[in-house]
């Protein structure tokens, strides 16, 4: 049988059949003029916000409120985790062939040698095929050229300057004789910095502020290569903090948000200190250290769906760093976060979305050992515990105590029964001296002032020692090598760039447009979600009025 092409797949596979295969079912409530497909949870209830509507021509679908059409091919490539054939890191074209041929009952044999030959025959990326326009710090004219690319994304000039070594405008002449210029984020292998293996590209925005093109340069090795912005300039093996995102724009947006918050907080403490109303020297030092760490961190973009090779390549070079996961808040981003943690813990696994909409993680060594992770009611730490990944790296002695903290920001709020012996013995001596001082000052038998002073000084000295050791252990726990921190954007947004732009998932405009152009059911769903968000924001605003401290 002749090998089927992408055109064959698009002509012969119905987008509705593909949605059903991906675990969705027809939502009859919305009628059949524009069929919609929804996912059901394990209790048979609709999963809110997880719906696809088939377009008028019946060839594509989109997921509101984002009006982005997917055909059979792009749907599979953009949602690989929905199909049982998918394994982390696999080639997207290979996945399309496997899924589509299965749906067409067209068995295809394994041909590893042919696949390998094709991969070797693929075009190799060459940066010399492009002319470059660089962002130069002391050249305002060169900086102005980047305005149309960053303006619509809310990325300020100060942020551009901090990342100026990690992007440029790549210019190339097409076969039609026209020149194409795109904002480009160079991709490299962590083991071979300085050699570009591709470009993550973005066009300038149109009049409506939308980026018309985003993708990869021809020949890009997106399996192993990634955008790596090492702001410190030091070797990767000296990195202490590594931040992961699906796009370079999200990385820069996160950096800008965090830096502005830290600068504002430091300024607020310094103002109070200058007025003599608050002694915040220690807090100021802590925030300045956070700012320094941020400005000297490594920022990574996987350029879309991350691969296992990208994870492992960076882990090999930054084994002792603390890793922050800033992937999108959608289902795919949560799946990537789980795959990240499993790879970091050196687990052998494969995963897919089950019929109930949950992520099924299967132990590659024992296929009977699998776990289901709810990606809608998602709690990253709970998911790690379920997968047997309580912590990554060596388990510090202070771990049990840190888990008892009633206030995560107060290291003294834990249960002292769980202190490690080295610190518990110090605390015990302090407690004994404190009790002795209390008895001496409250009992009927009064000691001389010199004895009381000695007991008090000894108790204070022991407490200072206890505080010093506990602070040291807590800091080591929080900065322990290999630690993973789940750092998505706020719940109202899809990704960090949307948060920077304050582009919430649902707005009044979405409701109005859907009421006019969409179905009644879709209107009700968006309206309900929007009103829920409004209530949540109002509650948060009311609670803020009662707070009198600076938020980090």
Protein backbone atom coordinates (compact mmCIF):
# COMPACT_ATOMS: atom_id res chain seq x y z
CA UNK A 1 0.00 0.00 0.00
CA UNK A 2 1.33 3.45 -0.93
CA UNK A 3 2.43 5.66 1.91
CA UNK A 4 -0.26 8.17 2.87
CA UNK A 5 0.50 11.89 2.90
CA UNK A 6 -0.70 14.73 5.11
CA UNK A 7 -3.22 15.69 2.41
CA UNK A 8 -4.60 12.14 2.57
CA UNK A 9 -4.99 12.43 6.33
CA UNK A 10 -6.78 15.80 6.12
CA UNK A 11 -9.11 14.60 3.35
CA UNK A 12 -9.94 11.21 4.82
CA UNK A 13 -10.08 11.79 8.59
CA UNK A 14 -13.00 13.69 10.07
CA UNK A 15 -11.96 16.21 12.74
CA UNK A 16 -14.90 15.03 14.88
CA UNK A 17 -13.65 11.44 14.76
CA UNK A 18 -10.23 12.69 15.86
CA UNK A 19 -11.77 14.57 18.81
CA UNK A 20 -13.62 11.42 19.90
CA UNK A 21 -10.37 9.44 19.67
CA UNK A 22 -8.69 12.09 21.84
CA UNK A 23 -11.23 11.48 24.59
CA UNK A 24 -13.90 14.10 23.85
CA UNK A 25 -17.61 13.51 23.28
CA UNK A 26 -20.33 15.41 21.47
CA UNK A 27 -22.02 18.03 23.62
CA UNK A 28 -25.63 17.83 22.43
CA UNK A 29 -26.67 20.74 24.63
CA UNK A 30 -25.09 23.15 22.18
CA UNK A 31 -26.93 21.80 19.14
CA UNK A 32 -25.51 20.47 15.90
CA UNK A 33 -25.06 23.58 13.74
CA UNK A 34 -21.56 24.03 15.13
CA UNK A 35 -20.85 20.77 16.97
CA UNK A 36 -18.90 21.09 20.21
CA UNK A 37 -16.96 18.37 21.96
CA UNK A 38 -16.29 18.28 25.70
CA UNK A 39 -14.37 16.08 28.11
CA UNK A 40 -16.04 14.32 31.01
CA UNK A 41 -14.46 13.64 34.40
CA UNK A 42 -14.50 10.35 36.31
CA UNK A 43 -17.92 11.27 37.77
CA UNK A 44 -19.47 11.82 34.37
CA UNK A 45 -19.53 15.61 34.70
CA UNK A 46 -18.24 18.08 32.15
CA UNK A 47 -14.75 19.41 32.66
CA UNK A 48 -15.22 23.17 32.56
CA UNK A 49 -13.07 25.09 30.11
CA UNK A 50 -12.06 21.96 28.14
CA UNK A 51 -14.17 22.21 24.97
CA UNK A 52 -13.52 22.24 21.23
CA UNK A 53 -15.99 23.67 18.69
CA UNK A 54 -15.99 22.41 15.10
CA UNK A 55 -15.81 25.23 12.54
CA UNK A 56 -18.45 25.88 9.88
CA UNK A 57 -16.62 23.98 7.15
CA UNK A 58 -16.26 20.94 9.39
CA UNK A 59 -12.53 20.61 8.69
CA UNK A 60 -11.13 22.32 11.78
CA UNK A 61 -11.89 23.00 15.42
CA UNK A 62 -10.95 25.63 17.98
CA UNK A 63 -10.93 25.90 21.77
CA UNK A 64 -12.66 29.07 23.03
CA UNK A 65 -11.96 31.74 24.01
CA UNK A 66 -8.83 31.48 21.80
CA UNK A 67 -9.94 31.45 18.16
CA UNK A 68 -7.11 29.34 16.78
CA UNK A 69 -8.11 26.73 14.23
CA UNK A 70 -6.67 23.22 14.34
CA UNK A 71 -6.91 20.77 11.46
CA UNK A 72 -6.25 17.05 11.86
CA UNK A 73 -2.48 17.49 11.61
CA UNK A 74 -2.03 20.56 13.81
CA UNK A 75 -4.42 19.19 16.46
CA UNK A 76 -2.27 16.10 16.94
CA UNK A 77 0.97 18.10 16.96
CA UNK A 78 -0.35 20.69 19.45
CA UNK A 79 -1.99 18.10 21.75
CA UNK A 80 0.30 15.05 21.58
CA UNK A 81 -0.46 14.00 25.15
CA UNK A 82 -4.07 13.17 24.18
CA UNK A 83 -3.03 10.13 22.15
CA UNK A 84 -1.90 6.74 23.41
CA UNK A 85 0.89 6.54 20.81
CA UNK A 86 2.66 9.53 22.34
CA UNK A 87 5.80 9.14 24.39
CA UNK A 88 7.74 12.15 25.71
CA UNK A 89 10.32 13.38 23.24
CA UNK A 90 8.98 11.57 20.18
CA UNK A 91 8.99 13.24 16.76
CA UNK A 92 5.70 15.07 16.08
CA UNK A 93 5.53 13.89 12.47
CA UNK A 94 5.99 10.32 13.60
CA UNK A 95 3.09 10.73 16.03
CA UNK A 96 0.84 12.12 13.28
CA UNK A 97 1.61 9.13 11.08
CA UNK A 98 0.94 6.63 13.85
CA UNK A 99 -2.38 8.18 14.93
CA UNK A 100 -3.76 8.86 11.45
CA UNK A 101 -2.82 5.47 10.02
CA UNK A 102 -4.46 3.79 13.01
CA UNK A 103 -7.67 5.76 12.48
CA UNK A 104 -7.63 4.73 8.82
CA UNK A 105 -6.95 1.09 9.72
CA UNK A 106 -3.74 1.28 7.74
CA UNK A 107 -1.05 -0.69 9.62
CA UNK A 108 2.48 0.64 9.23
CA UNK A 109 5.52 -1.50 10.06
CA UNK A 110 8.38 -0.31 12.23
CA UNK A 111 11.16 0.97 9.99
CA UNK A 112 13.86 2.31 12.32
CA UNK A 113 16.56 2.30 9.64
CA UNK A 114 14.43 4.35 7.24
CA UNK A 115 13.43 6.78 9.98
CA UNK A 116 17.07 7.22 11.00
CA UNK A 117 18.09 7.78 7.36
CA UNK A 118 15.40 10.42 6.96
CA UNK A 119 16.49 12.20 10.12
CA UNK A 120 20.08 12.25 8.90
CA UNK A 121 18.92 13.57 5.53
CA UNK A 122 17.02 16.46 7.09
CA UNK A 123 18.34 19.91 6.43
CA UNK A 124 20.85 21.14 8.99
CA UNK A 125 20.41 24.62 10.41
CA UNK A 126 23.08 27.14 9.43
CA UNK A 127 23.11 30.57 11.07
CA UNK A 128 25.17 31.87 8.14
CA UNK A 129 22.05 31.66 5.98
CA UNK A 130 20.77 34.73 7.83
CA UNK A 131 21.71 38.37 8.16
CA UNK A 132 21.53 39.57 11.76
CA UNK A 133 20.48 42.81 13.37
CA UNK A 134 21.72 42.88 16.96
CA UNK A 135 20.43 44.83 19.94
CA UNK A 136 23.40 46.98 21.00
CA UNK A 137 23.30 48.64 24.41
CA UNK A 138 24.98 51.87 23.37
CA UNK A 139 23.21 52.22 20.02
CA UNK A 140 19.69 53.64 20.28
CA UNK A 141 19.07 53.23 16.55
CA UNK A 142 19.69 49.49 16.78
CA UNK A 143 17.31 49.23 19.75
CA UNK A 144 14.45 51.01 17.96
CA UNK A 145 14.23 48.20 15.40
CA UNK A 146 13.01 45.83 18.13
CA UNK A 147 10.12 48.03 19.26
CA UNK A 148 7.45 46.47 16.96
CA UNK A 149 8.28 42.98 18.22
CA UNK A 150 8.26 43.63 21.96
CA UNK A 151 5.65 46.41 22.27
CA UNK A 152 2.63 44.13 21.79
CA UNK A 153 4.09 41.69 24.33
CA UNK A 154 4.52 44.30 27.07
CA UNK A 155 8.27 43.65 27.31
CA UNK A 156 9.90 46.89 28.45
CA UNK A 157 13.19 48.34 27.25
CA UNK A 158 14.93 47.60 30.57
CA UNK A 159 14.05 43.91 30.23
CA UNK A 160 15.25 43.89 26.62
CA UNK A 161 18.55 45.33 27.78
CA UNK A 162 18.96 42.66 30.44
CA UNK A 163 18.45 39.94 27.78
CA UNK A 164 20.11 41.77 24.88
CA UNK A 165 22.69 39.03 24.23
CA UNK A 166 19.99 36.40 23.79
CA UNK A 167 17.92 37.58 20.83
CA UNK A 168 18.34 39.32 17.46
CA UNK A 169 16.42 40.01 14.26
CA UNK A 170 17.20 37.36 11.64
CA UNK A 171 16.74 38.43 8.02
CA UNK A 172 16.52 36.01 5.13
CA UNK A 173 15.51 36.20 1.48
CA UNK A 174 12.76 33.78 0.47
CA UNK A 175 12.42 31.88 -2.78
CA UNK A 176 9.99 34.54 -4.00
CA UNK A 177 12.68 37.20 -3.67
CA UNK A 178 11.05 38.85 -0.63
CA UNK A 179 12.94 39.49 2.57
CA UNK A 180 11.61 38.08 5.84
CA UNK A 181 12.67 39.51 9.20
CA UNK A 182 11.73 37.80 12.45
CA UNK A 183 12.62 38.31 16.09
CA UNK A 184 14.77 35.26 16.77
CA UNK A 185 15.79 33.51 19.96
CA UNK A 186 18.82 31.31 19.21
CA UNK A 187 18.64 27.67 20.32
CA UNK A 188 21.67 25.80 21.60
CA UNK A 189 22.51 22.47 23.18
CA UNK A 190 23.47 22.87 26.86
CA UNK A 191 26.57 20.77 26.21
CA UNK A 192 27.72 22.97 23.33
CA UNK A 193 26.99 26.60 24.09
CA UNK A 194 27.94 29.05 21.36
CA UNK A 195 26.84 26.82 18.49
CA UNK A 196 23.34 27.63 17.28
CA UNK A 197 21.20 24.65 16.27
CA UNK A 198 18.11 26.64 15.38
CA UNK A 199 15.92 29.68 16.03
CA UNK A 200 12.65 30.21 17.88
CA UNK A 201 11.03 32.85 15.64
CA UNK A 202 8.30 35.47 16.04
CA UNK A 203 7.07 37.99 13.49
CA UNK A 204 6.19 41.56 14.36
CA UNK A 205 2.62 42.19 15.47
CA UNK A 206 -0.09 43.41 13.09
CA UNK A 207 -2.36 46.42 13.63
CA UNK A 208 -4.48 44.43 16.12
CA UNK A 209 -1.39 43.55 18.14
CA UNK A 210 -1.40 39.86 17.14
CA UNK A 211 1.75 37.98 16.16
CA UNK A 212 1.01 36.48 12.73
CA UNK A 213 3.86 34.00 12.67
CA UNK A 214 5.57 31.93 15.32
CA UNK A 215 7.62 28.84 14.71
CA UNK A 216 11.09 27.44 14.19
CA UNK A 217 13.65 28.25 11.54
CA UNK A 218 14.22 25.60 8.88
CA UNK A 219 16.47 22.81 10.09
CA UNK A 220 16.09 23.67 13.79
CA UNK A 221 17.03 20.86 16.17
CA UNK A 222 14.17 21.37 18.62
CA UNK A 223 14.64 17.93 20.15
CA UNK A 224 17.92 18.77 21.87
CA UNK A 225 18.30 22.50 21.35
CA UNK A 226 16.67 25.19 23.48
CA UNK A 227 16.87 28.91 24.10
CA UNK A 228 19.30 29.45 26.98
CA UNK A 229 19.65 32.94 28.45
CA UNK A 230 22.45 32.67 31.01
CA UNK A 231 22.35 36.14 32.55
CA UNK A 232 25.35 35.59 34.82
CA UNK A 233 27.70 34.66 32.00
CA UNK A 234 29.24 31.98 34.22
CA UNK A 235 29.54 28.31 33.14
CA UNK A 236 26.25 26.40 33.36
CA UNK A 237 27.61 24.03 36.00
CA UNK A 238 27.81 27.01 38.37
CA UNK A 239 24.16 27.98 37.89
CA UNK A 240 22.09 28.12 41.07
CA UNK A 241 18.67 28.93 39.59
CA UNK A 242 17.19 27.70 36.27
CA UNK A 243 13.77 28.87 35.08
CA UNK A 244 11.84 26.85 32.45
CA UNK A 245 9.19 28.15 30.03
CA UNK A 246 7.51 27.16 26.77
CA UNK A 247 8.52 30.39 25.02
CA UNK A 248 11.17 33.08 25.36
CA UNK A 249 8.43 35.72 25.65
CA UNK A 250 7.08 33.96 28.76
CA UNK A 251 10.58 33.85 30.26
CA UNK A 252 11.12 37.58 29.76
CA UNK A 253 7.62 38.36 31.05
CA UNK A 254 8.23 36.37 34.23
CA UNK A 255 11.58 38.11 34.75
CA UNK A 256 10.00 41.55 34.30
CA UNK A 257 7.12 40.85 36.71
CA UNK A 258 9.36 39.43 39.43
CA UNK A 259 12.03 42.11 39.12
CA UNK A 260 9.53 44.98 39.33
CA UNK A 261 7.88 43.44 42.40
CA UNK A 262 11.23 42.98 44.15
CA UNK A 263 12.41 46.51 43.32
CA UNK A 264 9.12 47.98 44.62
CA UNK A 265 9.30 45.90 47.81
CA UNK A 266 12.90 46.89 48.53
CA UNK A 267 12.02 50.53 47.93
CA UNK A 268 9.09 50.31 50.34
CA UNK A 269 11.18 48.83 53.13
CA UNK A 270 13.93 51.40 52.56
CA UNK A 271 11.38 54.24 52.76
CA UNK A 272 10.06 52.96 56.09
CA UNK A 273 13.59 52.50 57.37
CA UNK A 274 14.55 56.07 56.43
CA UNK A 275 11.48 57.34 58.28
CA UNK A 276 12.60 55.47 61.37
CA UNK A 277 9.26 53.66 61.64
CA UNK A 278 10.58 50.19 60.85
CA UNK A 279 13.85 48.32 61.16
CA UNK A 280 13.95 46.12 58.07
CA UNK A 281 17.66 45.69 57.40
CA UNK A 282 17.48 41.89 57.37
CA UNK A 283 14.41 41.87 55.09
CA UNK A 284 16.08 44.30 52.71
CA UNK A 285 19.16 42.06 52.50
CA UNK A 286 16.97 39.03 51.74
CA UNK A 287 15.06 40.80 48.98
CA UNK A 288 18.26 42.19 47.48
CA UNK A 289 19.68 38.67 47.44
CA UNK A 290 16.54 37.47 45.63
CA UNK A 291 16.96 40.26 43.10
CA UNK A 292 20.62 39.37 42.59
CA UNK A 293 19.73 35.70 42.11
CA UNK A 294 17.06 36.60 39.55
CA UNK A 295 19.40 38.88 37.59
CA UNK A 296 22.03 36.12 37.49
CA UNK A 297 19.78 33.14 36.78
CA UNK A 298 19.49 30.92 33.70
CA UNK A 299 16.27 31.25 31.70
CA UNK A 300 15.26 28.48 29.32
CA UNK A 301 12.63 28.18 26.59
CA UNK A 302 11.82 24.80 25.08
CA UNK A 303 10.17 26.50 22.10
CA UNK A 304 6.88 24.63 22.61
CA UNK A 305 6.40 21.02 23.63
CA UNK A 306 9.50 20.12 25.68
CA UNK A 307 11.34 16.89 24.96
CA UNK A 308 13.01 14.48 27.34
CA UNK A 309 16.29 15.21 25.56
CA UNK A 310 15.96 18.91 26.41
CA UNK A 311 15.32 18.07 30.07
CA UNK A 312 18.18 15.62 30.36
CA UNK A 313 20.60 17.84 28.44
CA UNK A 314 20.09 20.74 30.85
CA UNK A 315 20.06 18.53 33.96
CA UNK A 316 23.45 17.11 32.98
CA UNK A 317 24.96 20.62 32.99
CA UNK A 318 23.05 22.07 35.97
CA UNK A 319 22.79 19.09 38.30
CA UNK A 320 23.04 21.14 41.51
CA UNK A 321 20.79 24.02 40.46
CA UNK A 322 17.30 24.77 41.72
CA UNK A 323 14.80 24.42 38.87
CA UNK A 324 11.60 26.48 38.53
CA UNK A 325 8.82 25.23 36.23
CA UNK A 326 6.98 28.12 34.55
CA UNK A 327 5.09 26.16 31.89
CA UNK A 328 1.58 27.24 30.84
CA UNK A 329 -1.42 26.63 33.10
CA UNK A 330 -3.28 24.58 30.48
CA UNK A 331 -3.54 20.79 30.35
CA UNK A 332 -0.44 20.45 28.18
CA UNK A 333 1.63 22.64 30.50
CA UNK A 334 0.65 20.56 33.53
CA UNK A 335 1.56 17.40 31.63
CA UNK A 336 4.96 18.89 30.81
CA UNK A 337 5.49 19.72 34.51
CA UNK A 338 4.82 16.09 35.49
CA UNK A 339 7.13 14.80 32.74
CA UNK A 340 9.78 17.27 33.94
CA UNK A 341 9.61 15.98 37.53
CA UNK A 342 9.67 12.33 36.44
CA UNK A 343 12.71 12.95 34.25
CA UNK A 344 14.46 14.89 37.02
CA UNK A 345 13.88 11.95 39.37
CA UNK A 346 15.39 9.64 36.74
CA UNK A 347 12.15 7.68 36.35
CA UNK A 348 11.59 5.47 33.31
CA UNK A 349 8.01 6.10 32.18
CA UNK A 350 5.55 6.89 29.43
CA UNK A 351 2.24 8.71 29.71
CA UNK A 352 -1.02 9.42 27.90
CA UNK A 353 -4.45 10.91 28.58
CA UNK A 354 -6.95 8.30 29.72
CA UNK A 355 -10.63 8.07 28.82
CA UNK A 356 -11.58 9.91 32.01
CA UNK A 357 -9.40 12.88 31.08
CA UNK A 358 -6.68 12.11 33.62
CA UNK A 359 -2.99 11.73 32.85
CA UNK A 360 -1.99 8.07 33.03
CA UNK A 361 1.67 7.61 34.00
CA UNK A 362 2.97 4.11 33.35
CA UNK A 363 6.17 2.67 34.79
CA UNK A 364 8.20 1.55 31.76
CA UNK A 365 9.75 -1.24 33.82
CA UNK A 366 6.40 -2.54 35.05
CA UNK A 367 3.40 -1.67 32.86
CA UNK A 368 1.02 -2.83 35.62
CA UNK A 369 2.33 -0.07 37.87
CA UNK A 370 0.55 3.10 36.79
CA UNK A 371 -0.89 6.21 38.41
CA UNK A 372 -3.61 8.62 37.33
CA UNK A 373 -3.09 12.36 37.80
CA UNK A 374 -6.05 14.75 37.69
CA UNK A 375 -4.92 17.58 35.41
CA UNK A 376 -8.00 19.72 36.09
CA UNK A 377 -8.03 19.71 39.88
CA UNK A 378 -4.24 19.90 39.77
CA UNK A 379 -1.88 20.14 42.73
CA UNK A 380 1.74 19.68 41.73
CA UNK A 381 3.05 18.60 45.15
CA UNK A 382 0.18 16.11 45.56
CA UNK A 383 0.95 14.69 42.10
CA UNK A 384 4.61 14.20 43.03
CA UNK A 385 3.68 12.32 46.20
CA UNK A 386 1.31 10.10 44.24
CA UNK A 387 4.12 9.31 41.81
CA UNK A 388 6.56 8.58 44.62
CA UNK A 389 8.65 11.71 44.04
CA UNK A 390 8.63 13.27 47.48
CA UNK A 391 11.84 15.17 46.91
CA UNK A 392 14.63 15.40 44.40
CA UNK A 393 18.19 15.17 45.58
CA UNK A 394 19.48 14.40 49.07
CA UNK A 395 16.90 14.66 51.84
CA UNK A 396 18.07 17.24 54.44
CA UNK A 397 17.77 16.37 58.13
CA UNK A 398 15.53 19.41 58.68
CA UNK A 399 12.91 18.14 56.16
CA UNK A 400 10.42 16.70 58.70
CA UNK A 401 10.50 19.88 60.78
CA UNK A 402 10.02 22.15 57.73
CA UNK A 403 6.90 20.24 56.78
CA UNK A 404 5.30 21.14 60.15
CA UNK A 405 5.60 24.92 59.69
CA UNK A 406 2.25 26.56 60.36
CA UNK A 407 3.50 29.69 58.59
CA UNK A 408 5.92 28.96 55.70
CA UNK A 409 7.54 32.39 56.17
CA UNK A 410 8.21 31.82 59.90
CA UNK A 411 10.86 29.17 60.50
CA UNK A 412 10.05 29.17 64.24
CA UNK A 413 6.43 28.10 63.67
CA UNK A 414 7.14 24.37 63.36
CA UNK A 415 6.82 21.48 65.81
CA UNK A 416 10.11 21.33 67.75
CA UNK A 417 9.63 17.59 68.28
CA UNK A 418 10.66 17.13 64.63
CA UNK A 419 13.93 19.09 64.87
CA UNK A 420 17.08 17.12 63.98
CA UNK A 421 19.17 16.19 67.04
CA UNK A 422 21.95 18.72 66.39
CA UNK A 423 19.44 21.59 66.57
CA UNK A 424 17.07 19.97 69.04
CA UNK A 425 19.86 19.75 71.66
CA UNK A 426 20.52 23.49 71.34
CA UNK A 427 16.82 24.25 71.62
CA UNK A 428 16.57 22.01 74.69
CA UNK A 429 19.27 23.97 76.50
CA UNK A 430 17.59 27.25 75.59
CA UNK A 431 14.22 25.94 76.82
CA UNK A 432 15.75 24.82 80.13
CA UNK A 433 17.42 28.20 80.74
CA UNK A 434 14.21 30.04 79.80
CA UNK A 435 12.21 28.01 82.29
CA UNK A 436 14.84 28.62 84.95
CA UNK A 437 14.64 32.38 84.35
CA UNK A 438 10.85 32.31 84.39
CA UNK A 439 10.76 30.42 87.72
CA UNK A 440 13.34 32.75 89.23
CA UNK A 441 11.31 35.85 88.34
CA UNK A 442 7.86 34.55 89.24
CA UNK A 443 8.45 32.45 92.36
CA UNK A 444 8.48 33.83 95.87
CA UNK A 445 12.20 33.20 96.18
CA UNK A 446 14.02 36.01 94.43
CA UNK A 447 17.63 35.71 93.31
CA UNK A 448 20.06 38.57 93.32
CA UNK A 449 20.14 40.79 90.24
CA UNK A 450 23.52 39.47 89.12
CA UNK A 451 22.31 35.85 89.10
CA UNK A 452 19.13 36.81 87.24
CA UNK A 453 21.16 38.73 84.69
CA UNK A 454 23.49 35.76 84.17
CA UNK A 455 20.58 33.34 83.61
CA UNK A 456 18.93 35.77 81.18
CA UNK A 457 22.12 36.33 79.21
CA UNK A 458 22.79 32.59 79.01
CA UNK A 459 19.24 31.97 77.77
CA UNK A 460 19.56 34.73 75.16
CA UNK A 461 22.95 33.41 74.05
CA UNK A 462 21.52 29.91 73.65
CA UNK A 463 18.54 31.28 71.70
CA UNK A 464 20.86 33.23 69.37
CA UNK A 465 22.76 30.02 68.70
CA UNK A 466 19.49 28.15 68.10
CA UNK A 467 18.25 30.84 65.70
CA UNK A 468 21.54 30.82 63.80
CA UNK A 469 21.57 27.03 63.34
CA UNK A 470 17.88 26.83 62.47
CA UNK A 471 18.16 29.65 59.93
CA UNK A 472 21.17 28.01 58.33
CA UNK A 473 19.43 24.63 58.09
CA UNK A 474 16.21 26.18 56.73
CA UNK A 475 18.11 28.11 54.05
CA UNK A 476 19.98 24.97 53.04
CA UNK A 477 16.67 23.12 52.83
CA UNK A 478 15.10 25.78 50.63
CA UNK A 479 18.16 25.99 48.39
CA UNK A 480 18.95 22.27 48.37
CA UNK A 481 20.53 20.97 45.14
CA UNK A 482 18.17 19.72 42.49
CA UNK A 483 15.03 21.12 44.06
CA UNK A 484 12.01 21.64 41.80
CA UNK A 485 9.64 24.56 42.32
CA UNK A 486 6.34 24.71 40.42
CA UNK A 487 5.98 28.36 39.37
CA UNK A 488 3.06 28.82 36.95
CA UNK A 489 1.35 32.14 36.36
CA UNK A 490 -1.68 33.21 38.41
CA UNK A 491 -4.83 31.12 37.94
CA UNK A 492 -6.63 33.79 35.89
CA UNK A 493 -4.09 33.56 33.05
CA UNK A 494 -2.86 30.95 30.61
CA UNK A 495 0.82 31.90 30.65
CA UNK A 496 3.26 34.45 32.04
CA UNK A 497 3.10 36.76 29.02
CA UNK A 498 -0.70 36.90 29.32
CA UNK A 499 -0.28 37.81 32.99
CA UNK A 500 2.11 40.61 32.08
CA UNK A 501 -0.47 41.92 29.61
CA UNK A 502 -3.30 41.30 32.12
CA UNK A 503 -4.94 39.17 29.44
CA UNK A 504 -7.29 37.01 31.46
CA UNK A 505 -8.78 33.82 30.05
CA UNK A 506 -12.26 35.38 29.82
CA UNK A 507 -13.23 39.03 29.39
CA UNK A 508 -16.42 40.98 28.79
CA UNK A 509 -15.54 41.06 25.11
CA UNK A 510 -15.39 37.25 25.00
CA UNK A 511 -18.86 37.03 26.51
CA UNK A 512 -20.35 39.56 24.10
CA UNK A 513 -18.75 38.02 21.00
CA UNK A 514 -19.78 34.50 22.02
CA UNK A 515 -23.34 35.61 22.73
CA UNK A 516 -23.55 37.04 19.21
CA UNK A 517 -21.63 34.41 17.21
CA UNK A 518 -21.62 31.30 19.39
CA UNK A 519 -24.12 28.94 20.94
CA UNK A 520 -26.21 29.54 24.01
CA UNK A 521 -24.41 26.80 25.89
CA UNK A 522 -20.98 28.27 25.13
CA UNK A 523 -22.21 31.71 26.19
CA UNK A 524 -23.43 30.36 29.53
CA UNK A 525 -20.16 28.55 30.20
CA UNK A 526 -17.97 31.60 29.51
CA UNK A 527 -20.33 33.88 31.41
CA UNK A 528 -20.24 31.58 34.47
CA UNK A 529 -16.44 31.38 34.39
CA UNK A 530 -16.14 35.13 33.98
CA UNK A 531 -18.47 35.84 36.93
CA UNK A 532 -16.54 33.34 39.07
CA UNK A 533 -13.31 35.19 38.25
CA UNK A 534 -14.93 38.53 39.07
CA UNK A 535 -16.08 37.25 42.49
CA UNK A 536 -12.63 35.86 43.20
CA UNK A 537 -10.95 39.16 42.28
CA UNK A 538 -13.41 41.11 44.46
CA UNK A 539 -12.72 38.81 47.41
CA UNK A 540 -8.96 39.21 46.94
CA UNK A 541 -9.30 43.02 46.76
CA UNK A 542 -11.34 43.08 49.98
CA UNK A 543 -8.79 40.96 51.80
CA UNK A 544 -5.95 43.19 50.59
CA UNK A 545 -7.47 46.16 52.44
CA UNK A 546 -6.75 44.39 55.73
CA UNK A 547 -3.11 43.74 54.97
CA UNK A 548 -0.46 46.20 56.13
CA UNK A 549 2.72 44.54 54.91
CA UNK A 550 4.55 44.42 51.61
CA UNK A 551 3.84 41.53 49.32
CA UNK A 552 6.73 39.86 47.58
